[in-house]
PDB file of N, CA and C in Angstrom:
ATOM      1  N   MET A   1     117.162  93.918 118.512  1.00  0.00           N
ATOM      2  CA  MET A   1     116.507  93.636 117.255  1.00  0.00           C
ATOM      3  C   MET A   1     117.445  92.910 116.323  1.00  0.00           C
ATOM      4  N   ASN A   2     118.748  93.090 116.470  1.00  0.00           N
ATOM      5  CA  ASN A   2     119.687  92.521 115.519  1.00  0.00           C
ATOM      6  C   ASN A   2     120.081  91.087 115.820  1.00  0.00           C
ATOM      7  N   SER A   3     119.153  90.304 116.315  1.00  0.00           N
ATOM      8  CA  SER A   3     119.389  88.876 116.446  1.00  0.00           C
ATOM      9  C   SER A   3     118.120  88.178 116.026  1.00  0.00           C
ATOM     10  N   ALA A   4     118.237  86.923 115.640  1.00  0.00           N
ATOM     11  CA  ALA A   4     117.075  86.189 115.158  1.00  0.00           C
ATOM     12  C   ALA A   4     115.998  86.115 116.237  1.00  0.00           C
ATOM     13  N   VAL A   5     116.397  86.228 117.496  1.00  0.00           N
ATOM     14  CA  VAL A   5     115.440  86.142 118.593  1.00  0.00           C
ATOM     15  C   VAL A   5     114.592  87.412 118.665  1.00  0.00           C
ATOM     16  N   GLY A   6     115.173  88.550 118.366  1.00  0.00           N
ATOM     17  CA  GLY A   6     114.474  89.820 118.504  1.00  0.00           C
ATOM     18  C   GLY A   6     113.845  90.289 117.217  1.00  0.00           C
ATOM     19  N   ALA A   7     112.857  89.590 116.736  1.00  0.00           N
ATOM     20  CA  ALA A   7     112.212  89.959 115.476  1.00  0.00           C
ATOM     21  C   ALA A   7     111.364  91.211 115.649  1.00  0.00           C
ATOM     22  N   THR A   8     111.292  92.001 114.592  1.00  0.00           N
ATOM     23  CA  THR A   8     110.423  93.170 114.551  1.00  0.00           C
ATOM     24  C   THR A   8     109.082  92.739 113.977  1.00  0.00           C
ATOM     25  N   GLU A   9     108.006  93.182 114.618  1.00  0.00           N
ATOM     26  CA  GLU A   9     106.663  92.820 114.162  1.00  0.00           C
ATOM     27  C   GLU A   9     106.258  93.663 112.956  1.00  0.00           C
ATOM     28  N   ILE A  10     105.651  93.011 111.966  1.00  0.00           N
ATOM     29  CA  ILE A  10     105.108  93.724 110.815  1.00  0.00           C
ATOM     30  C   ILE A  10     103.899  94.520 111.292  1.00  0.00           C
ATOM     31  N   ARG A  11     103.929  95.824 111.055  1.00  0.00           N
ATOM     32  CA  ARG A  11     102.800  96.699 111.390  1.00  0.00           C
ATOM     33  C   ARG A  11     102.392  97.425 110.119  1.00  0.00           C
ATOM     34  N   TRP A  12     101.247  97.067 109.589  1.00  0.00           N
ATOM     35  CA  TRP A  12     100.767  97.645 108.332  1.00  0.00           C
ATOM     36  C   TRP A  12     100.269  99.073 108.572  1.00  0.00           C
ATOM     37  N   SER A  13     100.620  99.977 107.681  1.00  0.00           N
ATOM     38  CA  SER A  13     100.125 101.356 107.730  1.00  0.00           C
ATOM     39  C   SER A  13      98.684 101.382 107.208  1.00  0.00           C
ATOM     40  N   PRO A  14      97.984 102.507 107.361  1.00  0.00           N
ATOM     41  CA  PRO A  14      96.636 102.612 106.790  1.00  0.00           C
ATOM     42  C   PRO A  14      96.622 102.399 105.274  1.00  0.00           C
ATOM     43  N   ALA A  15      97.748 102.647 104.609  1.00  0.00           N
ATOM     44  CA  ALA A  15      97.852 102.442 103.160  1.00  0.00           C
ATOM     45  C   ALA A  15      98.275 101.009 102.816  1.00  0.00           C
ATOM     46  N   ASP A  16      98.262 100.099 103.813  1.00  0.00           N
ATOM     47  CA  ASP A  16      98.665  98.694 103.620  1.00  0.00           C
ATOM     48  C   ASP A  16     100.111  98.549 103.157  1.00  0.00           C
ATOM     49  N   THR A  17     100.998  99.356 103.736  1.00  0.00           N
ATOM     50  CA  THR A  17     102.423  99.255 103.438  1.00  0.00           C
ATOM     51  C   THR A  17     103.212  99.147 104.741  1.00  0.00           C
ATOM     52  N   VAL A  18     104.435  98.646 104.614  1.00  0.00           N
ATOM     53  CA  VAL A  18     105.398  98.620 105.714  1.00  0.00           C
ATOM     54  C   VAL A  18     106.721  99.105 105.139  1.00  0.00           C
ATOM     55  N   GLU A  19     107.340 100.066 105.808  1.00  0.00           N
ATOM     56  CA  GLU A  19     108.687 100.496 105.462  1.00  0.00           C
ATOM     57  C   GLU A  19     109.541 100.319 106.706  1.00  0.00           C
ATOM     58  N   HIS A  20     110.648  99.614 106.557  1.00  0.00           N
ATOM     59  CA  HIS A  20     111.486  99.299 107.713  1.00  0.00           C
ATOM     60  C   HIS A  20     112.948  99.369 107.283  1.00  0.00           C
ATOM     61  N   THR A  21     113.768 100.031 108.093  1.00  0.00           N
ATOM     62  CA  THR A  21     115.203 100.107 107.845  1.00  0.00           C
ATOM     63  C   THR A  21     115.911  99.709 109.128  1.00  0.00           C
ATOM     64  N   THR A  22     116.941  98.877 108.995  1.00  0.00           N
ATOM     65  CA  THR A  22     117.714  98.470 110.165  1.00  0.00           C
ATOM     66  C   THR A  22     119.162  98.227 109.758  1.00  0.00           C
ATOM     67  N   SER A  23     120.050  98.333 110.732  1.00  0.00           N
ATOM     68  CA  SER A  23     121.465  98.034 110.539  1.00  0.00           C
ATOM     69  C   SER A  23     121.749  96.680 111.182  1.00  0.00           C
ATOM     70  N   ILE A  24     122.440  95.822 110.440  1.00  0.00           N
ATOM     71  CA  ILE A  24     122.735  94.470 110.929  1.00  0.00           C
ATOM     72  C   ILE A  24     124.244  94.350 111.157  1.00  0.00           C
ATOM     73  N   ALA A  25     124.616  94.050 112.386  1.00  0.00           N
ATOM     74  CA  ALA A  25     126.028  93.919 112.751  1.00  0.00           C
ATOM     75  C   ALA A  25     126.612  92.638 112.140  1.00  0.00           C
ATOM     76  N   PRO A  26     127.937  92.584 111.993  1.00  0.00           N
ATOM     77  CA  PRO A  26     128.575  91.371 111.467  1.00  0.00           C
ATOM     78  C   PRO A  26     128.181  90.135 112.280  1.00  0.00           C
ATOM     79  N   GLY A  27     127.817  89.062 111.592  1.00  0.00           N
ATOM     80  CA  GLY A  27     127.457  87.805 112.247  1.00  0.00           C
ATOM     81  C   GLY A  27     126.065  87.785 112.853  1.00  0.00           C
ATOM     82  N   LYS A  28     125.280  88.847 112.670  1.00  0.00           N
ATOM     83  CA  LYS A  28     123.936  88.935 113.248  1.00  0.00           C
ATOM     84  C   LYS A  28     122.873  88.843 112.156  1.00  0.00           C
ATOM     85  N   ALA A  29     121.614  88.786 112.607  1.00  0.00           N
ATOM     86  CA  ALA A  29     120.491  88.697 111.685  1.00  0.00           C
ATOM     87  C   ALA A  29     119.398  89.659 112.112  1.00  0.00           C
ATOM     88  N   ALA A  30     118.514  89.980 111.185  1.00  0.00           N
ATOM     89  CA  ALA A  30     117.335  90.800 111.466  1.00  0.00           C
ATOM     90  C   ALA A  30     116.132  90.116 110.842  1.00  0.00           C
ATOM     91  N   GLU A  31     114.998  90.153 111.558  1.00  0.00           N
ATOM     92  CA  GLU A  31     113.765  89.551 111.063  1.00  0.00           C
ATOM     93  C   GLU A  31     112.627  90.553 111.139  1.00  0.00           C
ATOM     94  N   LEU A  32     111.729  90.442 110.185  1.00  0.00           N
ATOM     95  CA  LEU A  32     110.494  91.211 110.142  1.00  0.00           C
ATOM     96  C   LEU A  32     109.382  90.183 109.988  1.00  0.00           C
ATOM     97  N   CYS A  33     108.535  90.016 111.024  1.00  0.00           N
ATOM     98  CA  CYS A  33     107.595  88.898 111.085  1.00  0.00           C
ATOM     99  C   CYS A  33     106.161  89.360 111.312  1.00  0.00           C
ATOM    100  N   GLY A  34     105.217  88.588 110.758  1.00  0.00           N
ATOM    101  CA  GLY A  34     103.814  88.858 111.007  1.00  0.00           C
ATOM    102  C   GLY A  34     102.908  87.878 110.286  1.00  0.00           C
ATOM    103  N   GLN A  35     101.624  87.907 110.669  1.00  0.00           N
ATOM    104  CA  GLN A  35     100.625  87.055 110.021  1.00  0.00           C
ATOM    105  C   GLN A  35     100.430  87.525 108.587  1.00  0.00           C
ATOM    106  N   ILE A  36     100.523  86.596 107.649  1.00  0.00           N
ATOM    107  CA  ILE A  36     100.289  86.900 106.244  1.00  0.00           C
ATOM    108  C   ILE A  36      99.141  86.015 105.768  1.00  0.00           C
ATOM    109  N   GLU A  37      98.076  86.643 105.308  1.00  0.00           N
ATOM    110  CA  GLU A  37      96.898  85.918 104.874  1.00  0.00           C
ATOM    111  C   GLU A  37      96.954  85.638 103.376  1.00  0.00           C
ATOM    112  N   PRO A  38      96.532  84.429 102.963  1.00  0.00           N
ATOM    113  CA  PRO A  38      96.556  84.088 101.536  1.00  0.00           C
ATOM    114  C   PRO A  38      95.764  85.067 100.671  1.00  0.00           C
ATOM    115  N   ARG A  39      94.693  85.634 101.206  1.00  0.00           N
ATOM    116  CA  ARG A  39      93.877  86.548 100.395  1.00  0.00           C
ATOM    117  C   ARG A  39      94.510  87.928 100.252  1.00  0.00           C
ATOM    118  N   LEU A  40      95.608  88.182 100.987  1.00  0.00           N
ATOM    119  CA  LEU A  40      96.300  89.465 100.908  1.00  0.00           C
ATOM    120  C   LEU A  40      97.778  89.236 100.581  1.00  0.00           C
ATOM    121  N   PRO A  41      98.103  88.880  99.328  1.00  0.00           N
ATOM    122  CA  PRO A  41      99.507  88.653  98.970  1.00  0.00           C
ATOM    123  C   PRO A  41     100.353  89.912  99.206  1.00  0.00           C
ATOM    124  N   VAL A  42     101.628  89.721  99.380  1.00  0.00           N
ATOM    125  CA  VAL A  42     102.546  90.817  99.715  1.00  0.00           C
ATOM    126  C   VAL A  42     103.555  91.007  98.588  1.00  0.00           C
ATOM    127  N   ASP A  43     103.591  92.241  98.053  1.00  0.00           N
ATOM    128  CA  ASP A  43     104.691  92.630  97.168  1.00  0.00           C
ATOM    129  C   ASP A  43     105.806  93.103  98.082  1.00  0.00           C
ATOM    130  N   TRP A  44     107.005  92.548  97.911  1.00  0.00           N
ATOM    131  CA  TRP A  44     108.107  92.904  98.796  1.00  0.00           C
ATOM    132  C   TRP A  44     109.341  93.288  97.994  1.00  0.00           C
ATOM    133  N   ARG A  45     110.160  94.121  98.605  1.00  0.00           N
ATOM    134  CA  ARG A  45     111.458  94.463  98.015  1.00  0.00           C
ATOM    135  C   ARG A  45     112.385  94.911  99.131  1.00  0.00           C
ATOM    136  N   TYR A  46     113.668  94.698  98.912  1.00  0.00           N
ATOM    137  CA  TYR A  46     114.650  95.230  99.851  1.00  0.00           C
ATOM    138  C   TYR A  46     115.900  95.631  99.104  1.00  0.00           C
ATOM    139  N   SER A  47     116.652  96.531  99.705  1.00  0.00           N
ATOM    140  CA  SER A  47     117.973  96.877  99.206  1.00  0.00           C
ATOM    141  C   SER A  47     118.880  97.040 100.418  1.00  0.00           C
ATOM    142  N   ALA A  48     120.131  96.641 100.243  1.00  0.00           N
ATOM    143  CA  ALA A  48     121.093  96.642 101.348  1.00  0.00           C
ATOM    144  C   ALA A  48     122.405  97.267 100.903  1.00  0.00           C
ATOM    145  N   THR A  49     123.172  97.751 101.873  1.00  0.00           N
ATOM    146  CA  THR A  49     124.462  98.378 101.576  1.00  0.00           C
ATOM    147  C   THR A  49     125.573  97.360 101.396  1.00  0.00           C
ATOM    148  N   GLY A  50     125.270  96.073 101.623  1.00  0.00           N
ATOM    149  CA  GLY A  50     126.247  95.001 101.435  1.00  0.00           C
ATOM    150  C   GLY A  50     125.515  93.693 101.197  1.00  0.00           C
ATOM    151  N   PRO A  51     126.247  92.628 100.875  1.00  0.00           N
ATOM    152  CA  PRO A  51     125.616  91.345 100.581  1.00  0.00           C
ATOM    153  C   PRO A  51     125.057  90.677 101.839  1.00  0.00           C
ATOM    154  N   LEU A  52     123.832  90.169 101.725  1.00  0.00           N
ATOM    155  CA  LEU A  52     123.160  89.489 102.832  1.00  0.00           C
ATOM    156  C   LEU A  52     122.586  88.158 102.368  1.00  0.00           C
ATOM    157  N   THR A  53     122.470  87.215 103.299  1.00  0.00           N
ATOM    158  CA  THR A  53     121.699  86.005 103.055  1.00  0.00           C
ATOM    159  C   THR A  53     120.263  86.338 103.440  1.00  0.00           C
ATOM    160  N   PHE A  54     119.322  85.980 102.585  1.00  0.00           N
ATOM    161  CA  PHE A  54     117.929  86.374 102.758  1.00  0.00           C
ATOM    162  C   PHE A  54     117.009  85.162 102.645  1.00  0.00           C
ATOM    163  N   ASP A  55     115.925  85.178 103.436  1.00  0.00           N
ATOM    164  CA  ASP A  55     114.889  84.163 103.248  1.00  0.00           C
ATOM    165  C   ASP A  55     113.556  84.673 103.763  1.00  0.00           C
ATOM    166  N   ILE A  56     112.498  84.021 103.296  1.00  0.00           N
ATOM    167  CA  ILE A  56     111.170  84.158 103.874  1.00  0.00           C
ATOM    168  C   ILE A  56     110.847  82.779 104.422  1.00  0.00           C
ATOM    169  N   HIS A  57     110.505  82.715 105.724  1.00  0.00           N
ATOM    170  CA  HIS A  57     110.284  81.405 106.341  1.00  0.00           C
ATOM    171  C   HIS A  57     109.190  81.483 107.398  1.00  0.00           C
ATOM    172  N   ARG A  58     108.749  80.307 107.825  1.00  0.00           N
ATOM    173  CA  ARG A  58     107.860  80.175 108.967  1.00  0.00           C
ATOM    174  C   ARG A  58     108.296  78.945 109.750  1.00  0.00           C
ATOM    175  N   HIS A  59     107.810  78.856 110.980  1.00  0.00           N
ATOM    176  CA  HIS A  59     108.141  77.721 111.835  1.00  0.00           C
ATOM    177  C   HIS A  59     106.940  76.803 111.969  1.00  0.00           C
ATOM    178  N   SER A  60     107.205  75.507 111.943  1.00  0.00           N
ATOM    179  CA  SER A  60     106.183  74.489 112.176  1.00  0.00           C
ATOM    180  C   SER A  60     106.786  73.514 113.176  1.00  0.00           C
ATOM    181  N   GLY A  61     106.524  73.746 114.471  1.00  0.00           N
ATOM    182  CA  GLY A  61     107.195  72.965 115.507  1.00  0.00           C
ATOM    183  C   GLY A  61     108.680  73.274 115.458  1.00  0.00           C
ATOM    184  N   GLN A  62     109.499  72.235 115.355  1.00  0.00           N
ATOM    185  CA  GLN A  62     110.950  72.413 115.272  1.00  0.00           C
ATOM    186  C   GLN A  62     111.425  72.664 113.840  1.00  0.00           C
ATOM    187  N   GLU A  63     110.539  72.454 112.864  1.00  0.00           N
ATOM    188  CA  GLU A  63     110.907  72.577 111.459  1.00  0.00           C
ATOM    189  C   GLU A  63     110.777  74.027 110.983  1.00  0.00           C
ATOM    190  N   VAL A  64     111.718  74.441 110.122  1.00  0.00           N
ATOM    191  CA  VAL A  64     111.647  75.743 109.473  1.00  0.00           C
ATOM    192  C   VAL A  64     111.270  75.497 108.016  1.00  0.00           C
ATOM    193  N   ILE A  65     110.213  76.167 107.552  1.00  0.00           N
ATOM    194  CA  ILE A  65     109.732  75.996 106.188  1.00  0.00           C
ATOM    195  C   ILE A  65     110.048  77.272 105.418  1.00  0.00           C
ATOM    196  N   TYR A  66     110.829  77.126 104.341  1.00  0.00           N
ATOM    197  CA  TYR A  66     111.268  78.280 103.562  1.00  0.00           C
ATOM    198  C   TYR A  66     110.389  78.475 102.336  1.00  0.00           C
ATOM    199  N   ALA A  67     109.969  79.714 102.114  1.00  0.00           N
ATOM    200  CA  ALA A  67     109.237  80.055 100.892  1.00  0.00           C
ATOM    201  C   ALA A  67     110.217  80.504  99.813  1.00  0.00           C
ATOM    202  N   THR A  68     111.307  81.160 100.227  1.00  0.00           N
ATOM    203  CA  THR A  68     112.348  81.588  99.297  1.00  0.00           C
ATOM    204  C   THR A  68     113.646  81.773 100.071  1.00  0.00           C
ATOM    205  N   ARG A  69     114.768  81.590  99.366  1.00  0.00           N
ATOM    206  CA  ARG A  69     116.089  81.794  99.974  1.00  0.00           C
ATOM    207  C   ARG A  69     117.040  82.320  98.913  1.00  0.00           C
ATOM    208  N   SER A  70     117.955  83.177  99.329  1.00  0.00           N
ATOM    209  CA  SER A  70     119.008  83.640  98.431  1.00  0.00           C
ATOM    210  C   SER A  70     120.250  83.948  99.257  1.00  0.00           C
ATOM    211  N   TYR A  71     121.379  83.971  98.581  1.00  0.00           N
ATOM    212  CA  TYR A  71     122.652  84.142  99.270  1.00  0.00           C
ATOM    213  C   TYR A  71     123.433  85.295  98.657  1.00  0.00           C
ATOM    214  N   LEU A  72     123.988  86.135  99.536  1.00  0.00           N
ATOM    215  CA  LEU A  72     124.875  87.228  99.162  1.00  0.00           C
ATOM    216  C   LEU A  72     124.248  88.142  98.118  1.00  0.00           C
ATOM    217  N   THR A  73     123.034  88.614  98.417  1.00  0.00           N
ATOM    218  CA  THR A  73     122.358  89.548  97.530  1.00  0.00           C
ATOM    219  C   THR A  73     122.255  90.915  98.210  1.00  0.00           C
ATOM    220  N   ARG A  74     122.249  91.951  97.402  1.00  0.00           N
ATOM    221  CA  ARG A  74     122.117  93.325  97.911  1.00  0.00           C
ATOM    222  C   ARG A  74     120.708  93.865  97.706  1.00  0.00           C
ATOM    223  N   GLU A  75     119.983  93.288  96.761  1.00  0.00           N
ATOM    224  CA  GLU A  75     118.594  93.708  96.584  1.00  0.00           C
ATOM    225  C   GLU A  75     117.819  92.614  95.880  1.00  0.00           C
ATOM    226  N   GLN A  76     116.524  92.595  96.178  1.00  0.00           N
ATOM    227  CA  GLN A  76     115.638  91.607  95.597  1.00  0.00           C
ATOM    228  C   GLN A  76     114.218  92.096  95.753  1.00  0.00           C
ATOM    229  N   ASN A  77     113.317  91.507  94.969  1.00  0.00           N
ATOM    230  CA  ASN A  77     111.906  91.815  95.132  1.00  0.00           C
ATOM    231  C   ASN A  77     111.090  90.639  94.627  1.00  0.00           C
ATOM    232  N   GLY A  78     109.834  90.605  95.020  1.00  0.00           N
ATOM    233  CA  GLY A  78     108.964  89.528  94.589  1.00  0.00           C
ATOM    234  C   GLY A  78     107.563  89.707  95.122  1.00  0.00           C
ATOM    235  N   LYS A  79     106.747  88.693  94.886  1.00  0.00           N
ATOM    236  CA  LYS A  79     105.379  88.675  95.390  1.00  0.00           C
ATOM    237  C   LYS A  79     105.232  87.394  96.198  1.00  0.00           C
ATOM    238  N   PHE A  80     104.746  87.525  97.418  1.00  0.00           N
ATOM    239  CA  PHE A  80     104.590  86.376  98.305  1.00  0.00           C
ATOM    240  C   PHE A  80     103.111  86.123  98.523  1.00  0.00           C
ATOM    241  N   SER A  81     102.655  84.939  98.109  1.00  0.00           N
ATOM    242  CA  SER A  81     101.251  84.529  98.255  1.00  0.00           C
ATOM    243  C   SER A  81     101.215  83.192  98.985  1.00  0.00           C
ATOM    244  N   PRO A  82     101.136  83.210 100.319  1.00  0.00           N
ATOM    245  CA  PRO A  82     101.141  81.946 101.058  1.00  0.00           C
ATOM    246  C   PRO A  82      99.855  81.156 100.816  1.00  0.00           C
ATOM    247  N   THR A  83      99.945  79.853 101.005  1.00  0.00           N
ATOM    248  CA  THR A  83      98.784  78.982 100.851  1.00  0.00           C
ATOM    249  C   THR A  83      97.894  79.029 102.087  1.00  0.00           C
ATOM    250  N   PHE A  84      98.506  79.198 103.259  1.00  0.00           N
ATOM    251  CA  PHE A  84      97.766  79.216 104.513  1.00  0.00           C
ATOM    252  C   PHE A  84      98.150  80.442 105.335  1.00  0.00           C
ATOM    253  N   ASN A  85      97.291  80.817 106.275  1.00  0.00           N
ATOM    254  CA  ASN A  85      97.502  81.960 107.150  1.00  0.00           C
ATOM    255  C   ASN A  85      98.440  81.557 108.299  1.00  0.00           C
ATOM    256  N   TYR A  86      99.703  81.972 108.213  1.00  0.00           N
ATOM    257  CA  TYR A  86     100.701  81.704 109.252  1.00  0.00           C
ATOM    258  C   TYR A  86     101.478  82.974 109.517  1.00  0.00           C
ATOM    259  N   GLU A  87     102.269  82.951 110.592  1.00  0.00           N
ATOM    260  CA  GLU A  87     103.242  84.017 110.799  1.00  0.00           C
ATOM    261  C   GLU A  87     104.454  83.691 109.942  1.00  0.00           C
ATOM    262  N   TRP A  88     104.786  84.618 109.059  1.00  0.00           N
ATOM    263  CA  TRP A  88     105.949  84.476 108.172  1.00  0.00           C
ATOM    264  C   TRP A  88     106.978  85.533 108.533  1.00  0.00           C
ATOM    265  N   CYS A  89     108.246  85.211 108.312  1.00  0.00           N
ATOM    266  CA  CYS A  89     109.330  86.137 108.623  1.00  0.00           C
ATOM    267  C   CYS A  89     110.210  86.373 107.397  1.00  0.00           C
ATOM    268  N   TRP A  90     110.483  87.651 107.140  1.00  0.00           N
ATOM    269  CA  TRP A  90     111.513  88.044 106.195  1.00  0.00           C
ATOM    270  C   TRP A  90     112.782  88.163 107.031  1.00  0.00           C
ATOM    271  N   MET A  91     113.856  87.481 106.638  1.00  0.00           N
ATOM    272  CA  MET A  91     115.065  87.449 107.481  1.00  0.00           C
ATOM    273  C   MET A  91     116.317  87.707 106.650  1.00  0.00           C
ATOM    274  N   TRP A  92     117.209  88.529 107.208  1.00  0.00           N
ATOM    275  CA  TRP A  92     118.489  88.851 106.584  1.00  0.00           C
ATOM    276  C   TRP A  92     119.605  88.522 107.559  1.00  0.00           C
ATOM    277  N   THR A  93     120.657  87.868 107.067  1.00  0.00           N
ATOM    278  CA  THR A  93     121.815  87.512 107.893  1.00  0.00           C
ATOM    279  C   THR A  93     123.055  88.144 107.275  1.00  0.00           C
ATOM    280  N   ASN A  94     123.843  88.790 108.123  1.00  0.00           N
ATOM    281  CA  ASN A  94     125.055  89.479 107.681  1.00  0.00           C
ATOM    282  C   ASN A  94     126.272  88.614 107.994  1.00  0.00           C
ATOM    283  N   ALA A  95     126.876  88.039 106.952  1.00  0.00           N
ATOM    284  CA  ALA A  95     128.076  87.214 107.123  1.00  0.00           C
ATOM    285  C   ALA A  95     129.351  87.998 106.815  1.00  0.00           C
ATOM    286  N   THR A  96     129.224  89.313 106.603  1.00  0.00           N
ATOM    287  CA  THR A  96     130.399  90.127 106.290  1.00  0.00           C
ATOM    288  C   THR A  96     131.033  90.659 107.588  1.00  0.00           C
ATOM    289  N   ALA A  97     132.143  91.366 107.444  1.00  0.00           N
ATOM    290  CA  ALA A  97     132.844  91.935 108.600  1.00  0.00           C
ATOM    291  C   ALA A  97     132.407  93.369 108.883  1.00  0.00           C
ATOM    292  N   GLU A  98     131.446  93.899 108.124  1.00  0.00           N
ATOM    293  CA  GLU A  98     130.983  95.281 108.264  1.00  0.00           C
ATOM    294  C   GLU A  98     129.494  95.312 108.612  1.00  0.00           C
ATOM    295  N   ASN A  99     129.049  96.388 109.257  1.00  0.00           N
ATOM    296  CA  ASN A  99     127.617  96.605 109.432  1.00  0.00           C
ATOM    297  C   ASN A  99     126.979  96.766 108.055  1.00  0.00           C
ATOM    298  N   VAL A 100     125.782  96.208 107.874  1.00  0.00           N
ATOM    299  CA  VAL A 100     125.035  96.356 106.626  1.00  0.00           C
ATOM    300  C   VAL A 100     123.651  96.896 106.970  1.00  0.00           C
ATOM    301  N   THR A 101     123.254  97.932 106.258  1.00  0.00           N
ATOM    302  CA  THR A 101     121.918  98.506 106.444  1.00  0.00           C
ATOM    303  C   THR A 101     121.002  97.952 105.355  1.00  0.00           C
ATOM    304  N   VAL A 102     119.817  97.525 105.777  1.00  0.00           N
ATOM    305  CA  VAL A 102     118.835  97.007 104.829  1.00  0.00           C
ATOM    306  C   VAL A 102     117.559  97.842 104.943  1.00  0.00           C
ATOM    307  N   GLN A 103     116.998  98.189 103.789  1.00  0.00           N
ATOM    308  CA  GLN A 103     115.729  98.909 103.723  1.00  0.00           C
ATOM    309  C   GLN A 103     114.706  97.984 103.076  1.00  0.00           C
ATOM    310  N   VAL A 104     113.572  97.808 103.759  1.00  0.00           N
ATOM    311  CA  VAL A 104     112.546  96.845 103.350  1.00  0.00           C
ATOM    312  C   VAL A 104     111.235  97.582 103.075  1.00  0.00           C
ATOM    313  N   ASN A 105     110.537  97.177 102.011  1.00  0.00           N
ATOM    314  CA  ASN A 105     109.218  97.701 101.701  1.00  0.00           C
ATOM    315  C   ASN A 105     108.275  96.534 101.425  1.00  0.00           C
ATOM    316  N   LEU A 106     107.156  96.505 102.136  1.00  0.00           N
ATOM    317  CA  LEU A 106     106.111  95.505 101.911  1.00  0.00           C
ATOM    318  C   LEU A 106     104.830  96.253 101.546  1.00  0.00           C
ATOM    319  N   LYS A 107     104.023  95.648 100.665  1.00  0.00           N
ATOM    320  CA  LYS A 107     102.749  96.252 100.291  1.00  0.00           C
ATOM    321  C   LYS A 107     101.742  95.169  99.971  1.00  0.00           C
ATOM    322  N   HIS A 108     100.495  95.350 100.489  1.00  0.00           N
ATOM    323  CA  HIS A 108      99.396  94.434 100.131  1.00  0.00           C
ATOM    324  C   HIS A 108      98.891  94.833  98.767  1.00  0.00           C
TER     325      HIS A 108
END
């Protein structure tokens, strides 16, 4: 799971929430991906034990399209309302020399 290749699938609970916690090794990344519909915007937040590079992105062929990006943050939150129904990924990259744990909360 701790590589960009091994993304975790977003699985909504009956209450339309997702809670996910993972540890990211130095030099590795973690992704949480799933279909996000424009009619169901997502309130998101995360907190981490160390600084991470963060983005929300999707793939279009070879191109990566970013909805948001930030660098060396420990926590952030926002509302994501895509224009079209695509698979979107929340992604964290650990550029530090220590394991970093990130806790993620998504809600429709």
